[in-house]
Amino acid sequence: MQTDSPAQSGRDSNATSGHVWFHYVFRSVETLSDKFGWPAVFLILGYVFVFKFASLEQKQTLIDMYLLGKGIDQWYPIGVVVAFATLLLLAQDFWWRRKDRIKQREIDRLSQWKSDFQEHHIGTKLHHTQDFREGG
């Protein structure tokens, strides 16, 4: 019977913990995007990235330029931020509309199944109220 050396077992546990870490981060981002939307996720991730990796001088420069407006001689720094934020908002709108359509289709499918099931078991057509979504 062959046993793994400590180096091999350590490598396997590191690979597994790396996979678990990646899965945890991915699930966290997914949860944040569902609760707060993509613009908030990018804002939070940007904040964490700057907080963790930027030097004190870089942090002061970002605050001076993008929050206080100091040293902006051109329009492009703000233009890039506005364009990126607009794209994020449009992506979020697309995502929410898509989720709403999927949920509405499932509601319609279940309500139709329920009506068909009831009509089959009572042997007569059900009387439905006016469908306001279709205007008729």
Foldseek 3Di string as FASTA:
>chain_A
DDDDDPVVVVVVVVVVVVVVVVVVVVVVLVVCCVVPNDVVSVVVVVVVCCVVPPDPVVVVVCCCCPVVNPPPPDDVVVVVVVVVSVVRVVVRVVVVVVVVVVVVVVVVVVVVVVQVVVCVVVVHHDDDDDDVVVPD
